[in-house]
Amino acid sequence: MSQISALSTIQRNGPLRVGDLARREQISKSSVTRLVARLEETDYLERRVDPDDGRSFVVVITAHGHDLLAASRQRANEFLAHQVGR
């Protein structure tokens, strides 16, 4: 769930620095750093040089990450439709 939440936050807000993502997700920077590493390993996001500060980087969702979010939303919608239909 934390991975989906982080990806959704990045999708809504655009590229973010790790510290900004930590603040928005209300978790520690070290936790977000580990989360970003896992998401990067699975090709759901990538790091890019921060256009405002070449010494930093921002995280950006990949096409694979967008696909994951779309599939997650589809499953949630199907679940809700099923519950409403009952």
N, C-alpha and C. Protein backbone atom coordinates (compact mmCIF):
# COMPACT_ATOMS: atom_id res chain seq x y z
N MET A 1 0.82 -1.21 0.00
CA MET A 1 0.00 0.00 0.00
C MET A 1 0.86 1.27 0.00
N SER A 2 1.99 1.23 0.70
CA SER A 2 2.84 2.42 0.75
C SER A 2 3.42 2.72 -0.63
N GLN A 3 3.68 1.69 -1.42
CA GLN A 3 4.20 1.92 -2.76
C GLN A 3 3.15 2.57 -3.64
N ILE A 4 1.93 2.08 -3.58
CA ILE A 4 0.84 2.67 -4.36
C ILE A 4 0.59 4.11 -3.93
N SER A 5 0.63 4.35 -2.63
CA SER A 5 0.42 5.70 -2.11
C SER A 5 1.49 6.65 -2.62
N ALA A 6 2.74 6.23 -2.55
CA ALA A 6 3.85 7.08 -3.01
C ALA A 6 3.73 7.35 -4.51
N LEU A 7 3.45 6.31 -5.29
CA LEU A 7 3.30 6.51 -6.73
C LEU A 7 2.14 7.45 -7.04
N SER A 8 1.04 7.30 -6.33
CA SER A 8 -0.11 8.19 -6.53
C SER A 8 0.24 9.64 -6.21
N THR A 9 1.00 9.82 -5.14
CA THR A 9 1.42 11.18 -4.76
C THR A 9 2.29 11.79 -5.84
N ILE A 10 3.21 11.02 -6.38
CA ILE A 10 4.08 11.53 -7.44
C ILE A 10 3.26 11.80 -8.70
N GLN A 11 2.31 10.93 -9.00
CA GLN A 11 1.48 11.14 -10.19
C GLN A 11 0.67 12.43 -10.07
N ARG A 12 0.11 12.68 -8.88
CA ARG A 12 -0.70 13.90 -8.67
C ARG A 12 0.15 15.16 -8.68
N ASN A 13 1.37 15.09 -8.13
CA ASN A 13 2.16 16.30 -7.91
C ASN A 13 3.32 16.49 -8.87
N GLY A 14 3.58 15.51 -9.70
CA GLY A 14 4.72 15.59 -10.61
C GLY A 14 6.00 15.19 -9.91
N PRO A 15 7.13 15.35 -10.59
CA PRO A 15 8.41 14.95 -10.01
C PRO A 15 8.64 15.60 -8.64
N LEU A 16 9.12 14.80 -7.70
CA LEU A 16 9.34 15.29 -6.34
C LEU A 16 10.71 14.86 -5.84
N ARG A 17 11.30 15.70 -5.01
CA ARG A 17 12.49 15.30 -4.27
C ARG A 17 12.06 14.32 -3.19
N VAL A 18 12.99 13.49 -2.74
CA VAL A 18 12.68 12.49 -1.73
C VAL A 18 12.14 13.15 -0.45
N GLY A 19 12.74 14.24 -0.03
CA GLY A 19 12.29 14.93 1.17
C GLY A 19 10.86 15.44 1.03
N ASP A 20 10.54 15.96 -0.15
CA ASP A 20 9.17 16.44 -0.39
C ASP A 20 8.18 15.28 -0.39
N LEU A 21 8.59 14.16 -0.96
CA LEU A 21 7.72 12.98 -0.95
C LEU A 21 7.50 12.49 0.48
N ALA A 22 8.55 12.51 1.28
CA ALA A 22 8.44 12.10 2.69
C ALA A 22 7.45 12.98 3.44
N ARG A 23 7.52 14.27 3.22
CA ARG A 23 6.59 15.19 3.88
C ARG A 23 5.15 14.94 3.44
N ARG A 24 4.95 14.75 2.17
CA ARG A 24 3.59 14.53 1.66
C ARG A 24 3.03 13.19 2.13
N GLU A 25 3.88 12.18 2.25
CA GLU A 25 3.44 10.87 2.71
C GLU A 25 3.43 10.76 4.23
N GLN A 26 3.99 11.76 4.88
CA GLN A 26 4.06 11.82 6.35
C GLN A 26 4.80 10.62 6.93
N ILE A 27 5.94 10.31 6.31
CA ILE A 27 6.84 9.28 6.83
C ILE A 27 8.26 9.81 6.78
N SER A 28 9.17 9.13 7.46
CA SER A 28 10.54 9.62 7.56
C SER A 28 11.25 9.57 6.20
N LYS A 29 12.25 10.43 6.07
CA LYS A 29 13.01 10.48 4.83
C LYS A 29 13.73 9.15 4.59
N SER A 30 14.22 8.52 5.65
CA SER A 30 14.90 7.24 5.47
C SER A 30 13.93 6.16 4.98
N SER A 31 12.70 6.18 5.46
CA SER A 31 11.69 5.23 4.98
C SER A 31 11.38 5.46 3.51
N VAL A 32 11.27 6.72 3.12
CA VAL A 32 10.99 7.04 1.71
C VAL A 32 12.19 6.66 0.84
N THR A 33 13.38 6.84 1.34
CA THR A 33 14.57 6.45 0.58
C THR A 33 14.54 4.96 0.27
N ARG A 34 14.20 4.14 1.25
CA ARG A 34 14.08 2.69 1.03
C ARG A 34 12.94 2.38 0.06
N LEU A 35 11.82 3.06 0.23
CA LEU A 35 10.66 2.87 -0.64
C LEU A 35 11.02 3.22 -2.09
N VAL A 36 11.68 4.34 -2.27
CA VAL A 36 12.09 4.77 -3.61
C VAL A 36 13.04 3.74 -4.23
N ALA A 37 13.96 3.22 -3.44
CA ALA A 37 14.89 2.21 -3.95
C ALA A 37 14.14 0.98 -4.45
N ARG A 38 13.15 0.52 -3.69
CA ARG A 38 12.35 -0.64 -4.11
C ARG A 38 11.57 -0.35 -5.39
N LEU A 39 10.97 0.83 -5.45
CA LEU A 39 10.20 1.20 -6.63
C LEU A 39 11.10 1.37 -7.85
N GLU A 40 12.30 1.84 -7.63
CA GLU A 40 13.25 2.01 -8.73
C GLU A 40 13.73 0.63 -9.22
N GLU A 41 13.98 -0.29 -8.30
CA GLU A 41 14.41 -1.65 -8.67
C GLU A 41 13.37 -2.36 -9.52
N THR A 42 12.10 -2.09 -9.26
CA THR A 42 11.02 -2.75 -10.00
C THR A 42 10.54 -1.94 -11.20
N ASP A 43 11.27 -0.87 -11.51
CA ASP A 43 11.00 -0.03 -12.68
C ASP A 43 9.65 0.69 -12.62
N TYR A 44 9.20 1.01 -11.40
CA TYR A 44 7.97 1.80 -11.26
C TYR A 44 8.27 3.30 -11.23
N LEU A 45 9.48 3.66 -10.89
CA LEU A 45 9.89 5.05 -10.95
C LEU A 45 11.37 5.12 -11.25
N GLU A 46 11.80 6.34 -11.58
CA GLU A 46 13.22 6.56 -11.85
C GLU A 46 13.65 7.88 -11.25
N ARG A 47 14.93 7.97 -11.01
CA ARG A 47 15.52 9.22 -10.50
C ARG A 47 16.03 10.03 -11.68
N ARG A 48 15.81 11.32 -11.59
CA ARG A 48 16.33 12.25 -12.61
C ARG A 48 16.98 13.42 -11.90
N VAL A 49 17.91 14.03 -12.55
CA VAL A 49 18.56 15.21 -11.99
C VAL A 49 17.51 16.30 -11.82
N ASP A 50 17.53 16.94 -10.66
CA ASP A 50 16.59 18.03 -10.37
C ASP A 50 16.92 19.20 -11.29
N PRO A 51 15.96 19.64 -12.11
CA PRO A 51 16.25 20.75 -13.02
C PRO A 51 16.55 22.07 -12.29
N ASP A 52 16.10 22.17 -11.04
CA ASP A 52 16.35 23.39 -10.27
C ASP A 52 17.65 23.33 -9.47
N ASP A 53 18.20 22.14 -9.27
CA ASP A 53 19.41 21.98 -8.48
C ASP A 53 20.12 20.71 -8.94
N GLY A 54 21.11 20.87 -9.78
CA GLY A 54 21.81 19.74 -10.38
C GLY A 54 22.49 18.83 -9.38
N ARG A 55 22.58 19.23 -8.12
CA ARG A 55 23.19 18.37 -7.09
C ARG A 55 22.18 17.40 -6.51
N SER A 56 20.91 17.60 -6.77
CA SER A 56 19.84 16.77 -6.22
C SER A 56 19.16 15.99 -7.34
N PHE A 57 18.25 15.14 -6.94
CA PHE A 57 17.46 14.41 -7.93
C PHE A 57 16.00 14.43 -7.51
N VAL A 58 15.15 14.16 -8.49
CA VAL A 58 13.72 14.02 -8.26
C VAL A 58 13.32 12.62 -8.70
N VAL A 59 12.20 12.14 -8.19
CA VAL A 59 11.68 10.84 -8.61
C VAL A 59 10.47 11.07 -9.52
N VAL A 60 10.41 10.25 -10.57
CA VAL A 60 9.40 10.38 -11.61
C VAL A 60 8.82 9.00 -11.88
N ILE A 61 7.52 8.91 -12.09
CA ILE A 61 6.88 7.63 -12.41
C ILE A 61 7.23 7.22 -13.83
N THR A 62 7.51 5.94 -14.01
CA THR A 62 7.75 5.38 -15.34
C THR A 62 6.42 4.92 -15.93
N ALA A 63 6.46 4.51 -17.18
CA ALA A 63 5.25 3.95 -17.83
C ALA A 63 4.78 2.72 -17.06
N HIS A 64 5.72 1.92 -16.60
CA HIS A 64 5.39 0.72 -15.82
C HIS A 64 4.65 1.12 -14.53
N GLY A 65 5.08 2.21 -13.89
CA GLY A 65 4.42 2.71 -12.68
C GLY A 65 3.01 3.21 -12.97
N HIS A 66 2.84 3.89 -14.09
CA HIS A 66 1.50 4.34 -14.49
C HIS A 66 0.58 3.15 -14.71
N ASP A 67 1.13 2.10 -15.34
CA ASP A 67 0.34 0.89 -15.58
C ASP A 67 -0.09 0.25 -14.25
N LEU A 68 0.83 0.21 -13.28
CA LEU A 68 0.51 -0.36 -11.97
C LEU A 68 -0.62 0.41 -11.30
N LEU A 69 -0.55 1.74 -11.34
CA LEU A 69 -1.60 2.56 -10.74
C LEU A 69 -2.95 2.35 -11.43
N ALA A 70 -2.92 2.26 -12.75
CA ALA A 70 -4.17 2.04 -13.49
C ALA A 70 -4.77 0.69 -13.13
N ALA A 71 -3.96 -0.34 -13.03
CA ALA A 71 -4.46 -1.67 -12.67
C ALA A 71 -4.99 -1.67 -11.24
N SER A 72 -4.32 -0.97 -10.35
CA SER A 72 -4.77 -0.89 -8.95
C SER A 72 -6.12 -0.19 -8.86
N ARG A 73 -6.27 0.88 -9.59
CA ARG A 73 -7.55 1.61 -9.59
C ARG A 73 -8.66 0.75 -10.19
N GLN A 74 -8.33 0.01 -11.24
CA GLN A 74 -9.33 -0.86 -11.86
C GLN A 74 -9.80 -1.92 -10.87
N ARG A 75 -8.87 -2.55 -10.15
CA ARG A 75 -9.24 -3.56 -9.15
C ARG A 75 -10.11 -2.95 -8.06
N ALA A 76 -9.76 -1.76 -7.61
CA ALA A 76 -10.55 -1.09 -6.57
C ALA A 76 -11.95 -0.78 -7.07
N ASN A 77 -12.06 -0.31 -8.30
CA ASN A 77 -13.38 -0.01 -8.87
C ASN A 77 -14.23 -1.26 -9.02
N GLU A 78 -13.61 -2.36 -9.45
CA GLU A 78 -14.34 -3.62 -9.59
C GLU A 78 -14.82 -4.12 -8.23
N PHE A 79 -13.99 -4.01 -7.23
CA PHE A 79 -14.37 -4.41 -5.89
C PHE A 79 -15.56 -3.60 -5.39
N LEU A 80 -15.49 -2.29 -5.56
CA LEU A 80 -16.59 -1.43 -5.11
C LEU A 80 -17.87 -1.71 -5.89
N ALA A 81 -17.74 -1.92 -7.18
CA ALA A 81 -18.93 -2.24 -7.98
C ALA A 81 -19.56 -3.54 -7.50
N HIS A 82 -18.74 -4.51 -7.19
CA HIS A 82 -19.25 -5.77 -6.68
C HIS A 82 -19.97 -5.57 -5.36
N GLN A 83 -19.37 -4.78 -4.46
CA GLN A 83 -19.98 -4.53 -3.16
C GLN A 83 -21.30 -3.79 -3.28
N VAL A 84 -21.35 -2.81 -4.18
CA VAL A 84 -22.58 -2.06 -4.38
C VAL A 84 -23.65 -2.96 -4.99
N GLY A 85 -23.22 -3.85 -5.89
CA GLY A 85 -24.16 -4.75 -6.55
C GLY A 85 -24.78 -5.77 -5.60
N ARG A 86 -24.10 -6.03 -4.49
CA ARG A 86 -24.62 -7.00 -3.53
C ARG A 86 -25.73 -6.34 -2.74
